[in-house]
Amino acid sequence: MSITIEKAWELLKEKGIETEEELQKELKENPIEIGMFTMPFPKEIEKVN
């Protein structure tokens, strides 16, 4: 899935981030944990209903 820069800024503005400086500040204060994206997933994932 890919989004445009304009759509990304729309989503950020919905969260109250309006400038590049605000974005940088938020990223420093709330680091993203990328481990969940890089760890191997189990072969069988239990469905949650």
N, C-alpha and C. Protein backbone atom coordinates (compact mmCIF):
# COMPACT_ATOMS: atom_id res chain seq x y z
N MET A 1 0.84 -1.17 0.00
CA MET A 1 0.00 0.00 0.00
C MET A 1 0.89 1.24 0.00
N SER A 2 0.58 2.17 -0.85
CA SER A 2 1.32 3.42 -0.85
C SER A 2 0.33 4.58 -0.85
N ILE A 3 0.75 5.68 -0.24
CA ILE A 3 -0.09 6.86 -0.20
C ILE A 3 0.72 8.04 -0.70
N THR A 4 0.02 9.08 -1.09
CA THR A 4 0.71 10.28 -1.56
C THR A 4 1.15 11.12 -0.37
N ILE A 5 2.06 12.03 -0.62
CA ILE A 5 2.52 12.96 0.42
C ILE A 5 1.33 13.77 0.94
N GLU A 6 0.47 14.17 0.03
CA GLU A 6 -0.69 14.97 0.43
C GLU A 6 -1.59 14.19 1.38
N LYS A 7 -1.82 12.91 1.09
CA LYS A 7 -2.66 12.08 1.95
C LYS A 7 -2.00 11.87 3.31
N ALA A 8 -0.68 11.69 3.30
CA ALA A 8 0.06 11.52 4.56
C ALA A 8 -0.10 12.76 5.43
N TRP A 9 0.01 13.96 4.83
CA TRP A 9 -0.15 15.18 5.61
C TRP A 9 -1.59 15.33 6.11
N GLU A 10 -2.56 14.91 5.33
CA GLU A 10 -3.95 14.93 5.79
C GLU A 10 -4.11 14.10 7.05
N LEU A 11 -3.52 12.90 7.03
CA LEU A 11 -3.61 12.02 8.19
C LEU A 11 -2.90 12.62 9.40
N LEU A 12 -1.74 13.22 9.17
CA LEU A 12 -1.01 13.85 10.27
C LEU A 12 -1.79 15.03 10.85
N LYS A 13 -2.40 15.82 9.98
CA LYS A 13 -3.17 16.98 10.45
C LYS A 13 -4.36 16.56 11.28
N GLU A 14 -4.94 15.40 10.96
CA GLU A 14 -6.03 14.87 11.78
C GLU A 14 -5.57 14.56 13.19
N LYS A 15 -4.28 14.27 13.34
CA LYS A 15 -3.69 13.97 14.65
C LYS A 15 -3.08 15.21 15.30
N GLY A 16 -3.23 16.36 14.66
CA GLY A 16 -2.74 17.61 15.24
C GLY A 16 -1.32 17.98 14.87
N ILE A 17 -0.75 17.28 13.90
CA ILE A 17 0.62 17.57 13.45
C ILE A 17 0.52 18.34 12.14
N GLU A 18 0.88 19.63 12.19
CA GLU A 18 0.67 20.50 11.04
C GLU A 18 1.95 20.92 10.32
N THR A 19 3.11 20.79 10.99
CA THR A 19 4.36 21.24 10.37
C THR A 19 5.42 20.15 10.44
N GLU A 20 6.47 20.32 9.64
CA GLU A 20 7.60 19.39 9.66
C GLU A 20 8.25 19.38 11.05
N GLU A 21 8.33 20.54 11.68
CA GLU A 21 8.93 20.64 13.02
C GLU A 21 8.12 19.85 14.03
N GLU A 22 6.79 19.96 13.96
CA GLU A 22 5.93 19.19 14.87
C GLU A 22 6.08 17.70 14.63
N LEU A 23 6.22 17.31 13.38
CA LEU A 23 6.41 15.90 13.05
C LEU A 23 7.73 15.39 13.65
N GLN A 24 8.81 16.14 13.47
CA GLN A 24 10.10 15.74 14.02
C GLN A 24 10.04 15.63 15.54
N LYS A 25 9.37 16.58 16.19
CA LYS A 25 9.23 16.55 17.65
C LYS A 25 8.47 15.31 18.10
N GLU A 26 7.37 15.01 17.44
CA GLU A 26 6.57 13.83 17.80
C GLU A 26 7.35 12.54 17.59
N LEU A 27 8.12 12.46 16.51
CA LEU A 27 8.91 11.25 16.25
C LEU A 27 10.00 11.06 17.30
N LYS A 28 10.56 12.16 17.80
CA LYS A 28 11.58 12.05 18.86
C LYS A 28 10.95 11.65 20.17
N GLU A 29 9.76 12.17 20.48
CA GLU A 29 9.09 11.88 21.75
C GLU A 29 8.39 10.53 21.74
N ASN A 30 8.02 10.04 20.58
CA ASN A 30 7.29 8.78 20.47
C ASN A 30 7.93 7.90 19.40
N PRO A 31 9.07 7.28 19.74
CA PRO A 31 9.75 6.48 18.72
C PRO A 31 8.88 5.32 18.25
N ILE A 32 9.04 4.96 17.00
CA ILE A 32 8.28 3.86 16.41
C ILE A 32 9.03 2.56 16.67
N GLU A 33 8.33 1.57 17.16
CA GLU A 33 8.92 0.25 17.38
C GLU A 33 8.78 -0.55 16.10
N ILE A 34 9.88 -0.69 15.35
CA ILE A 34 9.79 -1.38 14.07
C ILE A 34 9.95 -2.89 14.21
N GLY A 35 10.26 -3.37 15.39
CA GLY A 35 10.43 -4.80 15.59
C GLY A 35 9.21 -5.60 15.18
N MET A 36 8.04 -5.03 15.39
CA MET A 36 6.82 -5.75 15.03
C MET A 36 6.69 -5.93 13.52
N PHE A 37 7.39 -5.13 12.74
CA PHE A 37 7.33 -5.25 11.29
C PHE A 37 8.43 -6.15 10.74
N THR A 38 9.47 -6.38 11.54
CA THR A 38 10.61 -7.12 11.04
C THR A 38 10.72 -8.53 11.61
N MET A 39 9.97 -8.83 12.67
CA MET A 39 10.08 -10.17 13.25
C MET A 39 9.35 -11.19 12.39
N PRO A 40 9.83 -12.41 12.39
CA PRO A 40 9.13 -13.43 11.60
C PRO A 40 7.78 -13.77 12.24
N PHE A 41 6.79 -13.96 11.41
CA PHE A 41 5.47 -14.31 11.91
C PHE A 41 5.36 -15.83 12.01
N PRO A 42 4.59 -16.30 12.99
CA PRO A 42 4.40 -17.75 13.09
C PRO A 42 3.66 -18.28 11.87
N LYS A 43 3.90 -19.54 11.54
CA LYS A 43 3.26 -20.13 10.37
C LYS A 43 1.76 -20.22 10.55
N GLU A 44 1.31 -20.49 11.77
CA GLU A 44 -0.12 -20.56 12.04
C GLU A 44 -0.49 -19.43 12.97
N ILE A 45 -1.31 -18.54 12.49
CA ILE A 45 -1.75 -17.41 13.31
C ILE A 45 -3.20 -17.69 13.73
N GLU A 46 -3.41 -17.65 15.04
CA GLU A 46 -4.76 -17.91 15.55
C GLU A 46 -5.66 -16.73 15.22
N LYS A 47 -6.83 -17.01 14.68
CA LYS A 47 -7.78 -15.96 14.35
C LYS A 47 -8.49 -15.49 15.61
N VAL A 48 -8.69 -14.18 15.70
CA VAL A 48 -9.43 -13.60 16.81
C VAL A 48 -10.78 -13.19 16.27
N ASN A 49 -11.83 -13.73 16.84
CA ASN A 49 -13.19 -13.41 16.39
C ASN A 49 -13.87 -12.49 17.35
